[in-house]
Amino acid sequence: MFLQGETVNGDLWSVDLYNALLVFALLNIADIITTYNVLRKHGVERELNPLAYLLFKRFGIAGGFILKYIVCGVLILAGALAGFLTLSIWIWNIVLAIVTAWNSYVNLKEHIEEKSKTRK
């Protein structure tokens, strides 16, 4: 059944779903900012995900993000149809947290390297 197990007392919007969506929105914002900073400095060649690389190369940064979120939405919808909406969003939250952490690390590492070069 559609969204089975996602309701609390017949209410579709459970606290768990709200929390998952809030974290999802915040992580998407962080992902866009950190990915954009890396790609802006180094071009799409810096993208490690082969599918994302192809999307950014073919459609540019904005087009790549749009297609990325369409794919993300389709996968979340598939989770909803299977009855695991909240779980599918939390899985994407974990993926986005890892990507954002990696991009932040790359940005910080490059910032430190640039500062050390200017001090010499």
Protein backbone atom coordinates (compact mmCIF):
# COMPACT_ATOMS: atom_id res chain seq x y z
CA MET A 1 0.00 0.00 0.00
CA PHE A 2 1.22 3.52 -0.79
CA LEU A 3 3.05 5.10 2.17
CA GLN A 4 2.28 2.13 4.37
CA GLY A 5 3.78 2.56 7.81
CA GLU A 6 4.26 6.30 7.27
CA THR A 7 1.21 7.45 9.19
CA VAL A 8 0.70 8.20 12.87
CA ASN A 9 -2.93 7.85 13.93
CA GLY A 10 -3.96 8.22 10.27
CA ASP A 11 -1.87 11.39 9.84
CA LEU A 12 0.40 11.17 6.78
CA TRP A 13 2.83 13.80 8.06
CA SER A 14 4.53 12.17 11.03
CA VAL A 15 7.22 13.83 13.13
CA ASP A 16 9.79 11.43 11.65
CA LEU A 17 8.85 12.52 8.13
CA TYR A 18 9.04 16.21 9.08
CA ASN A 19 12.48 15.68 10.61
CA ALA A 20 13.69 13.73 7.58
CA LEU A 21 12.46 16.45 5.20
CA LEU A 22 13.97 19.26 7.28
CA VAL A 23 17.38 17.57 7.37
CA PHE A 24 17.03 16.76 3.66
CA ALA A 25 16.40 20.42 2.79
CA LEU A 26 19.32 21.67 4.91
CA LEU A 27 21.71 19.07 3.51
CA ASN A 28 20.67 19.91 -0.05
CA ILE A 29 21.48 23.56 0.54
CA ALA A 30 24.87 22.61 2.00
CA ASP A 31 25.49 20.19 -0.89
CA ILE A 32 24.74 22.85 -3.50
CA ILE A 33 27.01 25.41 -1.83
CA THR A 34 29.98 23.08 -1.28
CA THR A 35 29.72 21.35 -4.68
CA TYR A 36 29.39 24.67 -6.47
CA ASN A 37 32.49 26.02 -4.71
CA VAL A 38 34.57 23.01 -5.73
CA LEU A 39 33.31 23.01 -9.34
CA ARG A 40 33.64 26.79 -9.67
CA LYS A 41 37.31 26.65 -8.71
CA HIS A 42 38.31 23.53 -10.61
CA GLY A 43 35.67 22.83 -13.23
CA VAL A 44 33.60 19.72 -13.59
CA GLU A 45 36.72 17.58 -13.96
CA ARG A 46 36.94 17.64 -10.17
CA GLU A 47 33.60 15.78 -9.79
CA LEU A 48 34.26 12.26 -8.48
CA ASN A 49 30.83 10.78 -9.17
CA PRO A 50 30.90 9.57 -12.80
CA LEU A 51 27.17 10.15 -13.35
CA ALA A 52 27.27 13.64 -11.82
CA TYR A 53 30.41 14.37 -13.88
CA LEU A 54 28.55 13.51 -17.10
CA LEU A 55 25.55 15.63 -16.06
CA PHE A 56 27.69 18.66 -15.15
CA LYS A 57 29.80 18.27 -18.30
CA ARG A 58 26.76 18.00 -20.57
CA PHE A 59 24.38 20.48 -18.93
CA GLY A 60 26.63 22.80 -16.91
CA ILE A 61 26.53 23.30 -13.18
CA ALA A 62 22.90 24.47 -12.98
CA GLY A 63 21.61 21.80 -15.35
CA GLY A 64 23.58 19.14 -13.51
CA PHE A 65 21.99 20.13 -10.21
CA ILE A 66 18.50 20.11 -11.73
CA LEU A 67 18.97 16.64 -13.20
CA LYS A 68 20.58 15.41 -9.99
CA TYR A 69 17.54 16.43 -7.96
CA ILE A 70 15.15 14.94 -10.51
CA VAL A 71 16.95 11.61 -10.10
CA CYS A 72 16.91 12.06 -6.32
CA GLY A 73 13.17 12.78 -6.41
CA VAL A 74 12.48 9.70 -8.53
CA LEU A 75 14.39 7.51 -6.09
CA ILE A 76 12.53 8.98 -3.10
CA LEU A 77 9.25 8.44 -4.96
CA ALA A 78 10.25 4.81 -5.54
CA GLY A 79 10.84 4.50 -1.79
CA ALA A 80 7.41 6.02 -1.15
CA LEU A 81 5.73 3.60 -3.54
CA ALA A 82 7.45 0.73 -1.77
CA GLY A 83 6.12 2.04 1.56
CA PHE A 84 9.40 3.42 2.87
CA LEU A 85 9.18 7.17 2.30
CA THR A 86 10.89 8.28 5.52
CA LEU A 87 13.57 5.61 5.22
CA SER A 88 14.35 6.55 1.61
CA ILE A 89 14.73 10.22 2.62
CA TRP A 90 17.05 9.30 5.51
CA ILE A 91 19.18 7.21 3.14
CA TRP A 92 19.55 10.25 0.87
CA ASN A 93 20.34 12.35 3.95
CA ILE A 94 23.26 10.04 4.74
CA VAL A 95 24.52 10.24 1.14
CA LEU A 96 24.22 14.04 1.11
CA ALA A 97 25.98 14.33 4.48
CA ILE A 98 28.94 12.31 3.16
CA VAL A 99 29.13 14.33 -0.07
CA THR A 100 28.88 17.62 1.80
CA ALA A 101 31.54 16.58 4.29
CA TRP A 102 33.88 15.59 1.45
CA ASN A 103 33.29 18.85 -0.43
CA SER A 104 33.86 20.84 2.76
CA TYR A 105 37.11 18.96 3.34
CA VAL A 106 38.28 19.72 -0.22
CA ASN A 107 37.36 23.41 0.18
CA LEU A 108 39.10 23.68 3.55
CA LYS A 109 42.22 21.86 2.35
CA GLU A 110 42.53 24.18 -0.64
CA HIS A 111 41.94 27.24 1.50
CA ILE A 112 44.73 26.19 3.87
CA GLU A 113 47.08 25.48 0.95
CA GLU A 114 46.35 28.90 -0.58
CA LYS A 115 47.02 30.63 2.75
CA SER A 116 50.30 28.80 3.21
CA LYS A 117 51.43 29.82 -0.30
CA THR A 118 50.68 33.48 0.35
CA ARG A 119 52.64 33.44 3.61
CA LYS A 120 55.83 32.25 1.91
